[in-house]
PDB file of N, CA and C in Angstrom:
ATOM      1  N   UNK A   1      76.222 176.430 107.348  1.00  0.00           N
ATOM      2  CA  UNK A   1      76.551 175.342 106.453  1.00  0.00           C
ATOM      3  C   UNK A   1      78.056 175.028 106.507  1.00  0.00           C
ATOM      4  N   UNK A   2      78.860 176.090 106.616  1.00  0.00           N
ATOM      5  CA  UNK A   2      80.304 175.890 106.679  1.00  0.00           C
ATOM      6  C   UNK A   2      80.694 175.137 107.943  1.00  0.00           C
ATOM      7  N   UNK A   3      79.995 175.401 109.056  1.00  0.00           N
ATOM      8  CA  UNK A   3      80.293 174.708 110.308  1.00  0.00           C
ATOM      9  C   UNK A   3      80.005 173.212 110.196  1.00  0.00           C
ATOM     10  N   UNK A   4      78.899 172.867 109.556  1.00  0.00           N
ATOM     11  CA  UNK A   4      78.543 171.447 109.387  1.00  0.00           C
ATOM     12  C   UNK A   4      79.585 170.756 108.517  1.00  0.00           C
ATOM     13  N   UNK A   5      79.994 171.414 107.435  1.00  0.00           N
ATOM     14  CA  UNK A   5      81.008 170.853 106.556  1.00  0.00           C
ATOM     15  C   UNK A   5      82.340 170.696 107.295  1.00  0.00           C
ATOM     16  N   UNK A   6      82.707 171.683 108.098  1.00  0.00           N
ATOM     17  CA  UNK A   6      83.938 171.617 108.878  1.00  0.00           C
ATOM     18  C   UNK A   6      83.885 170.495 109.912  1.00  0.00           C
ATOM     19  N   UNK A   7      82.756 170.337 110.575  1.00  0.00           N
ATOM     20  CA  UNK A   7      82.588 169.266 111.559  1.00  0.00           C
ATOM     21  C   UNK A   7      82.691 167.903 110.879  1.00  0.00           C
ATOM     22  N   UNK A   8      82.039 167.740 109.739  1.00  0.00           N
ATOM     23  CA  UNK A   8      82.104 166.461 109.003  1.00  0.00           C
ATOM     24  C   UNK A   8      83.526 166.169 108.543  1.00  0.00           C
ATOM     25  N   UNK A   9      84.208 167.162 108.029  1.00  0.00           N
ATOM     26  CA  UNK A   9      85.578 166.982 107.566  1.00  0.00           C
ATOM     27  C   UNK A   9      86.504 166.606 108.723  1.00  0.00           C
ATOM     28  N   UNK A  10      86.341 167.268 109.854  1.00  0.00           N
ATOM     29  CA  UNK A  10      87.136 166.952 111.045  1.00  0.00           C
ATOM     30  C   UNK A  10      86.869 165.536 111.520  1.00  0.00           C
ATOM     31  N   UNK A  11      85.611 165.145 111.543  1.00  0.00           N
ATOM     32  CA  UNK A  11      85.247 163.790 111.966  1.00  0.00           C
ATOM     33  C   UNK A  11      85.882 162.742 111.058  1.00  0.00           C
ATOM     34  N   UNK A  12      85.804 162.941 109.750  1.00  0.00           N
ATOM     35  CA  UNK A  12      86.384 161.992 108.789  1.00  0.00           C
ATOM     36  C   UNK A  12      87.900 161.937 108.953  1.00  0.00           C
ATOM     37  N   UNK A  13      88.536 163.093 109.131  1.00  0.00           N
ATOM     38  CA  UNK A  13      89.982 163.140 109.293  1.00  0.00           C
ATOM     39  C   UNK A  13      90.441 162.380 110.529  1.00  0.00           C
ATOM     40  N   UNK A  14      89.823 162.627 111.681  1.00  0.00           N
ATOM     41  CA  UNK A  14      90.221 161.944 112.912  1.00  0.00           C
ATOM     42  C   UNK A  14      89.849 160.469 112.890  1.00  0.00           C
ATOM     43  N   UNK A  15      88.760 160.123 112.233  1.00  0.00           N
ATOM     44  CA  UNK A  15      88.389 158.708 112.115  1.00  0.00           C
ATOM     45  C   UNK A  15      89.426 157.949 111.303  1.00  0.00           C
ATOM     46  N   UNK A  16      89.867 158.536 110.201  1.00  0.00           N
ATOM     47  CA  UNK A  16      90.858 157.858 109.360  1.00  0.00           C
ATOM     48  C   UNK A  16      92.205 157.762 110.064  1.00  0.00           C
ATOM     49  N   UNK A  17      92.569 158.750 110.874  1.00  0.00           N
ATOM     50  CA  UNK A  17      93.812 158.664 111.644  1.00  0.00           C
ATOM     51  C   UNK A  17      93.735 157.559 112.685  1.00  0.00           C
ATOM     52  N   UNK A  18      92.590 157.409 113.318  1.00  0.00           N
ATOM     53  CA  UNK A  18      92.397 156.346 114.307  1.00  0.00           C
ATOM     54  C   UNK A  18      92.499 154.976 113.677  1.00  0.00           C
ATOM     55  N   UNK A  19      91.943 154.818 112.499  1.00  0.00           N
ATOM     56  CA  UNK A  19      92.017 153.531 111.797  1.00  0.00           C
ATOM     57  C   UNK A  19      93.451 153.247 111.371  1.00  0.00           C
ATOM     58  N   UNK A  20      94.159 154.269 110.912  1.00  0.00           N
ATOM     59  CA  UNK A  20      95.549 154.087 110.493  1.00  0.00           C
ATOM     60  C   UNK A  20      96.429 153.670 111.662  1.00  0.00           C
ATOM     61  N   UNK A  21      96.170 154.175 112.838  1.00  0.00           N
ATOM     62  CA  UNK A  21      96.973 153.817 114.000  1.00  0.00           C
ATOM     63  C   UNK A  21      96.748 152.371 114.413  1.00  0.00           C
ATOM     64  N   UNK A  22      95.559 151.838 114.220  1.00  0.00           N
ATOM     65  CA  UNK A  22      95.279 150.457 114.593  1.00  0.00           C
ATOM     66  C   UNK A  22      96.122 149.468 113.810  1.00  0.00           C
ATOM     67  N   UNK A  23      96.526 149.821 112.596  1.00  0.00           N
ATOM     68  CA  UNK A  23      97.301 148.907 111.768  1.00  0.00           C
ATOM     69  C   UNK A  23      98.711 148.690 112.312  1.00  0.00           C
ATOM     70  N   UNK A  24      99.210 149.601 113.126  1.00  0.00           N
ATOM     71  CA  UNK A  24     100.567 149.498 113.646  1.00  0.00           C
ATOM     72  C   UNK A  24     100.653 148.691 114.938  1.00  0.00           C
ATOM     73  N   UNK A  25      99.553 148.163 115.419  1.00  0.00           N
ATOM     74  CA  UNK A  25      99.563 147.411 116.671  1.00  0.00           C
ATOM     75  C   UNK A  25      99.989 145.967 116.419  1.00  0.00           C
ATOM     76  N   UNK A  26     100.758 145.458 117.351  1.00  0.00           N
ATOM     77  CA  UNK A  26     101.203 144.067 117.270  1.00  0.00           C
ATOM     78  C   UNK A  26     101.111 143.449 118.659  1.00  0.00           C
ATOM     79  N   UNK A  27     100.640 142.225 118.712  1.00  0.00           N
ATOM     80  CA  UNK A  27     100.521 141.498 119.974  1.00  0.00           C
ATOM     81  C   UNK A  27     101.280 140.187 119.859  1.00  0.00           C
ATOM     82  N   UNK A  28     101.882 139.777 120.951  1.00  0.00           N
ATOM     83  CA  UNK A  28     102.512 138.460 121.007  1.00  0.00           C
ATOM     84  C   UNK A  28     102.472 137.985 122.449  1.00  0.00           C
ATOM     85  N   UNK A  29     102.602 136.688 122.609  1.00  0.00           N
ATOM     86  CA  UNK A  29     102.570 136.108 123.955  1.00  0.00           C
ATOM     87  C   UNK A  29     103.371 134.812 123.953  1.00  0.00           C
ATOM     88  N   UNK A  30     103.807 134.431 125.139  1.00  0.00           N
ATOM     89  CA  UNK A  30     104.412 133.110 125.269  1.00  0.00           C
ATOM     90  C   UNK A  30     104.012 132.487 126.592  1.00  0.00           C
ATOM     91  N   UNK A  31     104.029 131.175 126.582  1.00  0.00           N
ATOM     92  CA  UNK A  31     103.733 130.361 127.754  1.00  0.00           C
ATOM     93  C   UNK A  31     104.937 129.450 127.948  1.00  0.00           C
ATOM     94  N   UNK A  32     105.592 129.560 129.100  1.00  0.00           N
ATOM     95  CA  UNK A  32     106.805 128.779 129.374  1.00  0.00           C
ATOM     96  C   UNK A  32     106.532 127.852 130.549  1.00  0.00           C
ATOM     97  N   UNK A  33     106.811 126.569 130.358  1.00  0.00           N
ATOM     98  CA  UNK A  33     106.603 125.561 131.398  1.00  0.00           C
ATOM     99  C   UNK A  33     107.966 124.971 131.765  1.00  0.00           C
ATOM    100  N   UNK A  34     108.326 125.078 133.053  1.00  0.00           N
ATOM    101  CA  UNK A  34     109.620 124.587 133.535  1.00  0.00           C
ATOM    102  C   UNK A  34     109.398 123.470 134.547  1.00  0.00           C
ATOM    103  N   UNK A  35     109.992 122.325 134.277  1.00  0.00           N
ATOM    104  CA  UNK A  35     109.978 121.204 135.222  1.00  0.00           C
ATOM    105  C   UNK A  35     111.411 120.726 135.379  1.00  0.00           C
ATOM    106  N   UNK A  36     111.977 120.951 136.533  1.00  0.00           N
ATOM    107  CA  UNK A  36     113.362 120.531 136.755  1.00  0.00           C
ATOM    108  C   UNK A  36     114.290 121.206 135.770  1.00  0.00           C
ATOM    109  N   UNK A  37     114.961 120.394 134.932  1.00  0.00           N
ATOM    110  CA  UNK A  37     115.898 120.922 133.941  1.00  0.00           C
ATOM    111  C   UNK A  37     115.237 121.161 132.592  1.00  0.00           C
ATOM    112  N   UNK A  38     114.022 120.737 132.423  1.00  0.00           N
ATOM    113  CA  UNK A  38     113.340 120.830 131.133  1.00  0.00           C
ATOM    114  C   UNK A  38     112.480 122.096 131.062  1.00  0.00           C
ATOM    115  N   UNK A  39     112.583 122.817 129.936  1.00  0.00           N
ATOM    116  CA  UNK A  39     111.778 124.011 129.700  1.00  0.00           C
ATOM    117  C   UNK A  39     111.113 123.901 128.330  1.00  0.00           C
ATOM    118  N   UNK A  40     109.815 124.101 128.303  1.00  0.00           N
ATOM    119  CA  UNK A  40     109.049 124.084 127.056  1.00  0.00           C
ATOM    120  C   UNK A  40     108.438 125.474 126.893  1.00  0.00           C
ATOM    121  N   UNK A  41     108.642 126.087 125.729  1.00  0.00           N
ATOM    122  CA  UNK A  41     108.100 127.423 125.462  1.00  0.00           C
ATOM    123  C   UNK A  41     107.164 127.364 124.269  1.00  0.00           C
ATOM    124  N   UNK A  42     105.972 127.910 124.448  1.00  0.00           N
ATOM    125  CA  UNK A  42     104.982 128.038 123.379  1.00  0.00           C
ATOM    126  C   UNK A  42     104.866 129.519 123.050  1.00  0.00           C
ATOM    127  N   UNK A  43     105.004 129.867 121.771  1.00  0.00           N
ATOM    128  CA  UNK A  43     104.902 131.261 121.352  1.00  0.00           C
ATOM    129  C   UNK A  43     103.644 131.465 120.528  1.00  0.00           C
ATOM    130  N   UNK A  44     103.004 132.608 120.721  1.00  0.00           N
ATOM    131  CA  UNK A  44     101.751 132.933 120.041  1.00  0.00           C
ATOM    132  C   UNK A  44     101.885 134.294 119.371  1.00  0.00           C
ATOM    133  N   UNK A  45     101.300 134.435 118.177  1.00  0.00           N
ATOM    134  CA  UNK A  45     101.420 135.670 117.411  1.00  0.00           C
ATOM    135  C   UNK A  45     100.331 136.697 117.716  1.00  0.00           C
ATOM    136  N   UNK A  46      99.296 136.289 118.439  1.00  0.00           N
ATOM    137  CA  UNK A  46      98.234 137.232 118.767  1.00  0.00           C
ATOM    138  C   UNK A  46      97.627 136.854 120.117  1.00  0.00           C
ATOM    139  N   UNK A  47      96.946 137.796 120.700  1.00  0.00           N
ATOM    140  CA  UNK A  47      96.294 137.568 121.987  1.00  0.00           C
ATOM    141  C   UNK A  47      95.141 136.578 121.828  1.00  0.00           C
ATOM    142  N   UNK A  48      94.463 136.631 120.701  1.00  0.00           N
ATOM    143  CA  UNK A  48      93.358 135.698 120.441  1.00  0.00           C
ATOM    144  C   UNK A  48      93.881 134.273 120.348  1.00  0.00           C
ATOM    145  N   UNK A  49      94.971 134.086 119.622  1.00  0.00           N
ATOM    146  CA  UNK A  49      95.589 132.772 119.483  1.00  0.00           C
ATOM    147  C   UNK A  49      96.040 132.245 120.850  1.00  0.00           C
ATOM    148  N   UNK A  50      96.624 133.119 121.657  1.00  0.00           N
ATOM    149  CA  UNK A  50      97.056 132.738 122.998  1.00  0.00           C
ATOM    150  C   UNK A  50      95.869 132.317 123.862  1.00  0.00           C
ATOM    151  N   UNK A  51      94.807 133.104 123.821  1.00  0.00           N
ATOM    152  CA  UNK A  51      93.624 132.813 124.634  1.00  0.00           C
ATOM    153  C   UNK A  51      93.020 131.454 124.272  1.00  0.00           C
ATOM    154  N   UNK A  52      92.929 131.159 122.994  1.00  0.00           N
ATOM    155  CA  UNK A  52      92.326 129.899 122.538  1.00  0.00           C
ATOM    156  C   UNK A  52      93.205 128.692 122.833  1.00  0.00           C
ATOM    157  N   UNK A  53      94.496 128.798 122.558  1.00  0.00           N
ATOM    158  CA  UNK A  53      95.368 127.619 122.619  1.00  0.00           C
ATOM    159  C   UNK A  53      96.032 127.377 123.971  1.00  0.00           C
ATOM    160  N   UNK A  54      96.236 128.411 124.766  1.00  0.00           N
ATOM    161  CA  UNK A  54      96.885 128.199 126.061  1.00  0.00           C
ATOM    162  C   UNK A  54      96.000 127.385 127.001  1.00  0.00           C
ATOM    163  N   UNK A  55      94.696 127.565 126.887  1.00  0.00           N
ATOM    164  CA  UNK A  55      93.757 126.774 127.708  1.00  0.00           C
ATOM    165  C   UNK A  55      93.927 125.283 127.412  1.00  0.00           C
ATOM    166  N   UNK A  56      94.050 124.936 126.133  1.00  0.00           N
ATOM    167  CA  UNK A  56      94.241 123.533 125.741  1.00  0.00           C
ATOM    168  C   UNK A  56      95.560 122.983 126.277  1.00  0.00           C
ATOM    169  N   UNK A  57      96.608 123.791 126.189  1.00  0.00           N
ATOM    170  CA  UNK A  57      97.930 123.362 126.668  1.00  0.00           C
ATOM    171  C   UNK A  57      97.902 123.130 128.175  1.00  0.00           C
ATOM    172  N   UNK A  58      97.282 124.050 128.914  1.00  0.00           N
ATOM    173  CA  UNK A  58      97.223 123.909 130.374  1.00  0.00           C
ATOM    174  C   UNK A  58      96.402 122.697 130.791  1.00  0.00           C
ATOM    175  N   UNK A  59      95.363 122.377 130.043  1.00  0.00           N
ATOM    176  CA  UNK A  59      94.541 121.205 130.368  1.00  0.00           C
ATOM    177  C   UNK A  59      95.283 119.895 130.134  1.00  0.00           C
ATOM    178  N   UNK A  60      96.327 119.923 129.304  1.00  0.00           N
ATOM    179  CA  UNK A  60      97.092 118.704 129.010  1.00  0.00           C
ATOM    180  C   UNK A  60      98.177 118.413 130.050  1.00  0.00           C
ATOM    181  N   UNK A  61      98.453 119.358 130.933  1.00  0.00           N
ATOM    182  CA  UNK A  61      99.465 119.138 131.975  1.00  0.00           C
ATOM    183  C   UNK A  61      98.893 118.181 133.007  1.00  0.00           C
ATOM    184  N   UNK A  62      99.610 117.100 133.240  1.00  0.00           N
ATOM    185  CA  UNK A  62      99.142 116.087 134.186  1.00  0.00           C
ATOM    186  C   UNK A  62     100.183 115.847 135.266  1.00  0.00           C
ATOM    187  N   UNK A  63      99.730 115.308 136.370  1.00  0.00           N
ATOM    188  CA  UNK A  63     100.622 114.937 137.462  1.00  0.00           C
ATOM    189  C   UNK A  63     101.455 113.734 137.020  1.00  0.00           C
ATOM    190  N   UNK A  64     102.745 113.743 137.304  1.00  0.00           N
ATOM    191  CA  UNK A  64     103.579 112.608 136.905  1.00  0.00           C
ATOM    192  C   UNK A  64     103.101 111.301 137.543  1.00  0.00           C
ATOM    193  N   UNK A  65     103.088 110.262 136.759  1.00  0.00           N
ATOM    194  CA  UNK A  65     102.728 108.938 137.263  1.00  0.00           C
ATOM    195  C   UNK A  65     103.977 108.265 137.809  1.00  0.00           C
ATOM    196  N   UNK A  66     104.287 108.584 139.030  1.00  0.00           N
ATOM    197  CA  UNK A  66     105.492 108.051 139.649  1.00  0.00           C
ATOM    198  C   UNK A  66     105.161 107.578 141.061  1.00  0.00           C
ATOM    199  N   UNK A  67     105.840 106.517 141.462  1.00  0.00           N
ATOM    200  CA  UNK A  67     105.665 106.042 142.831  1.00  0.00           C
ATOM    201  C   UNK A  67     106.575 106.802 143.784  1.00  0.00           C
ATOM    202  N   UNK A  68     107.532 107.515 143.228  1.00  0.00           N
ATOM    203  CA  UNK A  68     108.464 108.299 144.018  1.00  0.00           C
ATOM    204  C   UNK A  68     107.762 109.581 144.493  1.00  0.00           C
ATOM    205  N   UNK A  69     107.540 109.707 145.814  1.00  0.00           N
ATOM    206  CA  UNK A  69     106.821 110.859 146.375  1.00  0.00           C
ATOM    207  C   UNK A  69     107.544 112.166 146.078  1.00  0.00           C
ATOM    208  N   UNK A  70     108.883 112.149 146.104  1.00  0.00           N
ATOM    209  CA  UNK A  70     109.644 113.367 145.853  1.00  0.00           C
ATOM    210  C   UNK A  70     109.394 113.875 144.429  1.00  0.00           C
ATOM    211  N   UNK A  71     109.350 112.968 143.475  1.00  0.00           N
ATOM    212  CA  UNK A  71     109.100 113.363 142.089  1.00  0.00           C
ATOM    213  C   UNK A  71     107.669 113.844 141.909  1.00  0.00           C
ATOM    214  N   UNK A  72     106.718 113.204 142.576  1.00  0.00           N
ATOM    215  CA  UNK A  72     105.311 113.594 142.479  1.00  0.00           C
ATOM    216  C   UNK A  72     105.062 114.974 143.063  1.00  0.00           C
ATOM    217  N   UNK A  73     105.751 115.305 144.150  1.00  0.00           N
ATOM    218  CA  UNK A  73     105.558 116.581 144.833  1.00  0.00           C
ATOM    219  C   UNK A  73     106.531 117.665 144.360  1.00  0.00           C
ATOM    220  N   UNK A  74     107.208 117.424 143.244  1.00  0.00           N
ATOM    221  CA  UNK A  74     108.159 118.426 142.771  1.00  0.00           C
ATOM    222  C   UNK A  74     107.419 119.652 142.230  1.00  0.00           C
ATOM    223  N   UNK A  75     108.111 120.769 142.259  1.00  0.00           N
ATOM    224  CA  UNK A  75     107.521 122.025 141.815  1.00  0.00           C
ATOM    225  C   UNK A  75     107.534 122.143 140.298  1.00  0.00           C
ATOM    226  N   UNK A  76     106.570 122.859 139.804  1.00  0.00           N
ATOM    227  CA  UNK A  76     106.429 123.166 138.393  1.00  0.00           C
ATOM    228  C   UNK A  76     106.299 124.679 138.307  1.00  0.00           C
ATOM    229  N   UNK A  77     106.978 125.290 137.354  1.00  0.00           N
ATOM    230  CA  UNK A  77     106.884 126.733 137.171  1.00  0.00           C
ATOM    231  C   UNK A  77     106.283 127.007 135.799  1.00  0.00           C
ATOM    232  N   UNK A  78     105.250 127.839 135.769  1.00  0.00           N
ATOM    233  CA  UNK A  78     104.638 128.245 134.518  1.00  0.00           C
ATOM    234  C   UNK A  78     104.686 129.771 134.462  1.00  0.00           C
ATOM    235  N   UNK A  79     105.208 130.286 133.357  1.00  0.00           N
ATOM    236  CA  UNK A  79     105.350 131.729 133.177  1.00  0.00           C
ATOM    237  C   UNK A  79     104.566 132.154 131.944  1.00  0.00           C
ATOM    238  N   UNK A  80     103.861 133.268 132.050  1.00  0.00           N
ATOM    239  CA  UNK A  80     103.090 133.823 130.937  1.00  0.00           C
ATOM    240  C   UNK A  80     103.585 135.245 130.710  1.00  0.00           C
ATOM    241  N   UNK A  81     103.812 135.594 129.451  1.00  0.00           N
ATOM    242  CA  UNK A  81     104.217 136.951 129.104  1.00  0.00           C
ATOM    243  C   UNK A  81     103.418 137.405 127.892  1.00  0.00           C
ATOM    244  N   UNK A  82     102.848 138.605 127.981  1.00  0.00           N
ATOM    245  CA  UNK A  82     102.074 139.179 126.883  1.00  0.00           C
ATOM    246  C   UNK A  82     102.701 140.528 126.541  1.00  0.00           C
ATOM    247  N   UNK A  83     102.997 140.738 125.250  1.00  0.00           N
ATOM    248  CA  UNK A  83     103.597 141.987 124.788  1.00  0.00           C
ATOM    249  C   UNK A  83     102.687 142.638 123.764  1.00  0.00           C
ATOM    250  N   UNK A  84     102.415 143.915 123.948  1.00  0.00           N
ATOM    251  CA  UNK A  84     101.669 144.695 122.960  1.00  0.00           C
ATOM    252  C   UNK A  84     102.562 145.842 122.510  1.00  0.00           C
ATOM    253  N   UNK A  85     102.599 146.077 121.202  1.00  0.00           N
ATOM    254  CA  UNK A  85     103.428 147.120 120.634  1.00  0.00           C
ATOM    255  C   UNK A  85     102.576 147.978 119.711  1.00  0.00           C
ATOM    256  N   UNK A  86     102.684 149.282 119.889  1.00  0.00           N
ATOM    257  CA  UNK A  86     101.965 150.227 119.054  1.00  0.00           C
ATOM    258  C   UNK A  86     102.871 151.417 118.811  1.00  0.00           C
ATOM    259  N   UNK A  87     103.235 151.632 117.563  1.00  0.00           N
ATOM    260  CA  UNK A  87     104.146 152.715 117.178  1.00  0.00           C
ATOM    261  C   UNK A  87     105.425 152.665 118.020  1.00  0.00           C
ATOM    262  N   UNK A  88     105.639 153.637 118.884  1.00  0.00           N
ATOM    263  CA  UNK A  88     106.880 153.703 119.666  1.00  0.00           C
ATOM    264  C   UNK A  88     106.738 153.146 121.075  1.00  0.00           C
ATOM    265  N   UNK A  89     105.574 152.594 121.406  1.00  0.00           N
ATOM    266  CA  UNK A  89     105.318 152.121 122.766  1.00  0.00           C
ATOM    267  C   UNK A  89     105.196 150.606 122.778  1.00  0.00           C
ATOM    268  N   UNK A  90     105.944 149.971 123.656  1.00  0.00           N
ATOM    269  CA  UNK A  90     105.867 148.526 123.822  1.00  0.00           C
ATOM    270  C   UNK A  90     105.624 148.232 125.299  1.00  0.00           C
ATOM    271  N   UNK A  91     104.619 147.399 125.576  1.00  0.00           N
ATOM    272  CA  UNK A  91     104.279 147.051 126.942  1.00  0.00           C
ATOM    273  C   UNK A  91     104.327 145.540 127.098  1.00  0.00           C
ATOM    274  N   UNK A  92     105.017 145.067 128.123  1.00  0.00           N
ATOM    275  CA  UNK A  92     105.094 143.644 128.412  1.00  0.00           C
ATOM    276  C   UNK A  92     104.564 143.392 129.812  1.00  0.00           C
ATOM    277  N   UNK A  93     103.663 142.419 129.907  1.00  0.00           N
ATOM    278  CA  UNK A  93     103.094 142.007 131.187  1.00  0.00           C
ATOM    279  C   UNK A  93     103.515 140.559 131.391  1.00  0.00           C
ATOM    280  N   UNK A  94     104.132 140.259 132.519  1.00  0.00           N
ATOM    281  CA  UNK A  94     104.607 138.906 132.782  1.00  0.00           C
ATOM    282  C   UNK A  94     104.142 138.455 134.159  1.00  0.00           C
ATOM    283  N   UNK A  95     103.724 137.200 134.230  1.00  0.00           N
ATOM    284  CA  UNK A  95     103.341 136.606 135.501  1.00  0.00           C
ATOM    285  C   UNK A  95     103.865 135.188 135.566  1.00  0.00           C
ATOM    286  N   UNK A  96     104.143 134.715 136.756  1.00  0.00           N
ATOM    287  CA  UNK A  96     104.713 133.389 136.935  1.00  0.00           C
ATOM    288  C   UNK A  96     104.138 132.744 138.182  1.00  0.00           C
ATOM    289  N   UNK A  97     103.927 131.434 138.106  1.00  0.00           N
ATOM    290  CA  UNK A  97     103.447 130.665 139.253  1.00  0.00           C
ATOM    291  C   UNK A  97     104.361 129.463 139.428  1.00  0.00           C
ATOM    292  N   UNK A  98     104.828 129.251 140.651  1.00  0.00           N
ATOM    293  CA  UNK A  98     105.599 128.065 140.995  1.00  0.00           C
ATOM    294  C   UNK A  98     104.858 127.343 142.108  1.00  0.00           C
ATOM    295  N   UNK A  99     104.481 126.097 141.837  1.00  0.00           N
ATOM    296  CA  UNK A  99     103.703 125.339 142.826  1.00  0.00           C
ATOM    297  C   UNK A  99     103.800 123.849 142.496  1.00  0.00           C
ATOM    298  N   UNK A 100     103.179 123.037 143.362  1.00  0.00           N
ATOM    299  CA  UNK A 100     103.085 121.598 143.102  1.00  0.00           C
ATOM    300  C   UNK A 100     102.147 121.358 141.927  1.00  0.00           C
ATOM    301  N   UNK A 101     102.334 120.249 141.271  1.00  0.00           N
ATOM    302  CA  UNK A 101     101.490 119.876 140.139  1.00  0.00           C
ATOM    303  C   UNK A 101     100.006 119.956 140.496  1.00  0.00           C
ATOM    304  N   UNK A 102      99.667 119.512 141.688  1.00  0.00           N
ATOM    305  CA  UNK A 102      98.257 119.402 142.068  1.00  0.00           C
ATOM    306  C   UNK A 102      97.540 120.743 142.148  1.00  0.00           C
ATOM    307  N   UNK A 103      98.265 121.811 142.432  1.00  0.00           N
ATOM    308  CA  UNK A 103      97.586 123.099 142.622  1.00  0.00           C
ATOM    309  C   UNK A 103      97.926 124.159 141.582  1.00  0.00           C
ATOM    310  N   UNK A 104      98.824 123.874 140.682  1.00  0.00           N
ATOM    311  CA  UNK A 104      99.297 124.925 139.783  1.00  0.00           C
ATOM    312  C   UNK A 104      98.296 125.272 138.673  1.00  0.00           C
ATOM    313  N   UNK A 105      97.535 124.307 138.201  1.00  0.00           N
ATOM    314  CA  UNK A 105      96.659 124.549 137.057  1.00  0.00           C
ATOM    315  C   UNK A 105      95.603 125.604 137.376  1.00  0.00           C
ATOM    316  N   UNK A 106      94.932 125.496 138.497  1.00  0.00           N
ATOM    317  CA  UNK A 106      93.911 126.493 138.824  1.00  0.00           C
ATOM    318  C   UNK A 106      94.537 127.870 139.040  1.00  0.00           C
ATOM    319  N   UNK A 107      95.718 127.916 139.646  1.00  0.00           N
ATOM    320  CA  UNK A 107      96.393 129.198 139.886  1.00  0.00           C
ATOM    321  C   UNK A 107      96.810 129.860 138.576  1.00  0.00           C
ATOM    322  N   UNK A 108      97.368 129.083 137.650  1.00  0.00           N
ATOM    323  CA  UNK A 108      97.853 129.671 136.396  1.00  0.00           C
ATOM    324  C   UNK A 108      96.684 130.087 135.503  1.00  0.00           C
ATOM    325  N   UNK A 109      95.563 129.378 135.579  1.00  0.00           N
ATOM    326  CA  UNK A 109      94.389 129.787 134.789  1.00  0.00           C
ATOM    327  C   UNK A 109      93.842 131.123 135.278  1.00  0.00           C
ATOM    328  N   UNK A 110      93.863 131.343 136.591  1.00  0.00           N
ATOM    329  CA  UNK A 110      93.433 132.637 137.131  1.00  0.00           C
ATOM    330  C   UNK A 110      94.391 133.740 136.690  1.00  0.00           C
ATOM    331  N   UNK A 111      95.687 133.460 136.756  1.00  0.00           N
ATOM    332  CA  UNK A 111      96.685 134.436 136.334  1.00  0.00           C
ATOM    333  C   UNK A 111      96.545 134.749 134.848  1.00  0.00           C
ATOM    334  N   UNK A 112      96.334 133.722 134.038  1.00  0.00           N
ATOM    335  CA  UNK A 112      96.164 133.894 132.588  1.00  0.00           C
ATOM    336  C   UNK A 112      94.988 134.812 132.294  1.00  0.00           C
ATOM    337  N   UNK A 113      93.866 134.592 132.977  1.00  0.00           N
ATOM    338  CA  UNK A 113      92.678 135.415 132.783  1.00  0.00           C
ATOM    339  C   UNK A 113      92.951 136.870 133.159  1.00  0.00           C
ATOM    340  N   UNK A 114      93.653 137.075 134.257  1.00  0.00           N
ATOM    341  CA  UNK A 114      93.965 138.437 134.701  1.00  0.00           C
ATOM    342  C   UNK A 114      94.913 139.150 133.726  1.00  0.00           C
ATOM    343  N   UNK A 115      95.927 138.448 133.232  1.00  0.00           N
ATOM    344  CA  UNK A 115      96.875 139.060 132.306  1.00  0.00           C
ATOM    345  C   UNK A 115      96.208 139.416 130.976  1.00  0.00           C
ATOM    346  N   UNK A 116      95.315 138.554 130.503  1.00  0.00           N
ATOM    347  CA  UNK A 116      94.591 138.849 129.265  1.00  0.00           C
ATOM    348  C   UNK A 116      93.716 140.087 129.455  1.00  0.00           C
ATOM    349  N   UNK A 117      93.032 140.176 130.591  1.00  0.00           N
ATOM    350  CA  UNK A 117      92.186 141.340 130.863  1.00  0.00           C
ATOM    351  C   UNK A 117      93.016 142.624 130.913  1.00  0.00           C
ATOM    352  N   UNK A 118      94.188 142.558 131.528  1.00  0.00           N
ATOM    353  CA  UNK A 118      95.069 143.733 131.588  1.00  0.00           C
ATOM    354  C   UNK A 118      95.540 144.108 130.187  1.00  0.00           C
ATOM    355  N   UNK A 119      95.944 143.113 129.400  1.00  0.00           N
ATOM    356  CA  UNK A 119      96.431 143.384 128.042  1.00  0.00           C
ATOM    357  C   UNK A 119      95.332 143.981 127.168  1.00  0.00           C
ATOM    358  N   UNK A 120      94.113 143.509 127.309  1.00  0.00           N
ATOM    359  CA  UNK A 120      93.007 144.064 126.525  1.00  0.00           C
ATOM    360  C   UNK A 120      92.766 145.517 126.933  1.00  0.00           C
ATOM    361  N   UNK A 121      92.936 145.825 128.207  1.00  0.00           N
ATOM    362  CA  UNK A 121      92.791 147.199 128.670  1.00  0.00           C
ATOM    363  C   UNK A 121      93.850 148.123 128.114  1.00  0.00           C
ATOM    364  N   UNK A 122      95.034 147.592 127.838  1.00  0.00           N
ATOM    365  CA  UNK A 122      96.137 148.394 127.303  1.00  0.00           C
ATOM    366  C   UNK A 122      95.941 148.651 125.815  1.00  0.00           C
ATOM    367  N   UNK A 123      95.387 147.662 125.131  1.00  0.00           N
ATOM    368  CA  UNK A 123      95.272 147.742 123.668  1.00  0.00           C
ATOM    369  C   UNK A 123      94.401 148.850 123.244  1.00  0.00           C
TER     370      UNK A 123
END
């Protein structure tokens, strides 16, 4: 009987410690879009918020409506950074894609998916 009581007490103790540790976790992310001299940064307070809203932001990026071929074929840089912090450990994962407007959206969506998967694995 004492063994069962000891096992139950140990289970409750470690379960409550695990729950207490979850409260100290913090996630943040940013999405930075650079075109020429202009930089736009979107900051997110959680990984869920980033996952939901970054897709909408990326879908709104369009090719410039210009007759100037040089401007149309100019490079765009999109950078994604995800930071997770738990107690004394902070981990930052950053990825960046620089490409023409026409091909950057599919590349950055793949990178975004991979970074989210890595961050979820760390959490």
